[in-house]
C-alpha atoms as a PDB file:
ATOM      1  CA  MET A   1     -28.295  -9.244  25.515  1.00  0.00           C
ATOM      2  CA  GLU A   2     -28.483  -5.942  27.251  1.00  0.00           C
ATOM      3  CA  SER A   3     -24.677  -5.595  27.159  1.00  0.00           C
ATOM      4  CA  LEU A   4     -24.835  -5.597  23.435  1.00  0.00           C
ATOM      5  CA  TYR A   5     -26.797  -2.248  23.550  1.00  0.00           C
ATOM      6  CA  LEU A   6     -23.671  -0.696  25.120  1.00  0.00           C
ATOM      7  CA  LEU A   7     -20.896  -2.642  23.373  1.00  0.00           C
ATOM      8  CA  ILE A   8     -21.964  -2.215  19.831  1.00  0.00           C
ATOM      9  CA  PRO A   9     -22.163   1.628  19.851  1.00  0.00           C
ATOM     10  CA  ILE A  10     -18.750   1.601  21.746  1.00  0.00           C
ATOM     11  CA  ALA A  11     -17.319  -0.562  18.991  1.00  0.00           C
ATOM     12  CA  LEU A  12     -18.617   1.564  16.294  1.00  0.00           C
ATOM     13  CA  VAL A  13     -17.217   4.805  17.920  1.00  0.00           C
ATOM     14  CA  PHE A  14     -13.954   3.089  18.235  1.00  0.00           C
ATOM     15  CA  CYS A  15     -13.752   1.966  14.679  1.00  0.00           C
ATOM     16  CA  VAL A  16     -14.692   5.505  13.456  1.00  0.00           C
ATOM     17  CA  VAL A  17     -11.960   7.037  15.596  1.00  0.00           C
ATOM     18  CA  ALA A  18      -9.407   4.503  14.434  1.00  0.00           C
ATOM     19  CA  ILE A  19     -10.263   5.154  10.768  1.00  0.00           C
ATOM     20  CA  LYS A  20     -10.148   8.875  11.245  1.00  0.00           C
ATOM     21  CA  LEU A  21      -6.580   8.638  12.946  1.00  0.00           C
ATOM     22  CA  LEU A  22      -5.437   6.452  10.038  1.00  0.00           C
ATOM     23  CA  LEU A  23      -6.649   8.939   7.487  1.00  0.00           C
ATOM     24  CA  TRP A  24      -5.057  11.805   9.441  1.00  0.00           C
ATOM     25  CA  ALA A  25      -1.771   9.910   9.530  1.00  0.00           C
ATOM     26  CA  ILE A  26      -1.823   9.236   5.943  1.00  0.00           C
ATOM     27  CA  SER A  27      -2.753  12.864   4.998  1.00  0.00           C
ATOM     28  CA  SER A  28      -0.166  14.291   7.320  1.00  0.00           C
ATOM     29  CA  GLY A  29       2.663  12.404   5.655  1.00  0.00           C
ATOM     30  CA  GLN A  30       3.461   9.813   8.271  1.00  0.00           C
ATOM     31  CA  TYR A  31       3.763   7.064   5.689  1.00  0.00           C
ATOM     32  CA  ASP A  32       5.692   9.046   3.138  1.00  0.00           C
ATOM     33  CA  ASP A  33       9.234   7.686   3.727  1.00  0.00           C
ATOM     34  CA  LEU A  34       9.156   4.317   5.610  1.00  0.00           C
ATOM     35  CA  ASP A  35      12.777   3.439   4.804  1.00  0.00           C
ATOM     36  CA  LYS A  36      14.273   6.611   6.192  1.00  0.00           C
ATOM     37  CA  GLU A  37      13.753   5.622   9.916  1.00  0.00           C
ATOM     38  CA  ALA A  38      15.194   2.081   9.226  1.00  0.00           C
ATOM     39  CA  TRP A  39      18.349   3.495   7.853  1.00  0.00           C
ATOM     40  CA  ARG A  40      18.628   6.350  10.266  1.00  0.00           C
ATOM     41  CA  ILE A  41      19.278   4.059  13.204  1.00  0.00           C
ATOM     42  CA  LEU A  42      22.371   2.641  11.273  1.00  0.00           C
ATOM     43  CA  ALA A  43      23.933   6.079  10.476  1.00  0.00           C
ATOM     44  CA  ASP A  44      26.824   7.290  12.711  1.00  0.00           C
ATOM     45  CA  ASP A  45      25.560  10.797  13.205  1.00  0.00           C
ATOM     46  CA  ASN A  46      26.827  10.993  16.795  1.00  0.00           C
ATOM     47  CA  VAL A  47      30.429   9.826  16.220  1.00  0.00           C
ATOM     48  CA  ARG A  48      32.481  10.524  19.378  1.00  0.00           C
ATOM     49  CA  LYS A  49      35.936  11.899  18.569  1.00  0.00           C
ATOM     50  CA  LYS A  50      38.777   9.774  19.802  1.00  0.00           C
ATOM     51  CA  PRO A  51      40.731  11.588  22.608  1.00  0.00           C
ATOM     52  CA  SER A  52      44.006  12.819  21.390  1.00  0.00           C
ATOM     53  CA  VAL A  53      47.135  11.074  22.605  1.00  0.00           C
ATOM     54  CA  PRO A  54      48.780  13.296  25.123  1.00  0.00           C
ATOM     55  CA  ASP A  55      52.288  14.440  24.391  1.00  0.00           C
ATOM     56  CA  LYS A  56      54.974  12.959  26.469  1.00  0.00           C
ATOM     57  CA  ASP A  57      56.149  16.470  27.443  1.00  0.00           C
ATOM     58  CA  GLU A  58      52.743  17.506  28.870  1.00  0.00           C
ATOM     59  CA  PRO A  59      51.777  16.277  32.363  1.00  0.00           C
ATOM     60  CA  SER A  60      48.543  14.194  32.205  1.00  0.00           C
END
């Protein structure tokens, strides 16, 4: 029973901090565009250029 005197305030503080972090994330725009990150992983932004075929006259 005595442990509840410690655990209940810790749980309440944890809930308040979690709610404040959620509200901060919403107000700072973290949830504005949820689809952008899903499509960004599929985009080919870092396309490597194929090496050019060396000419037959040039030594490799």
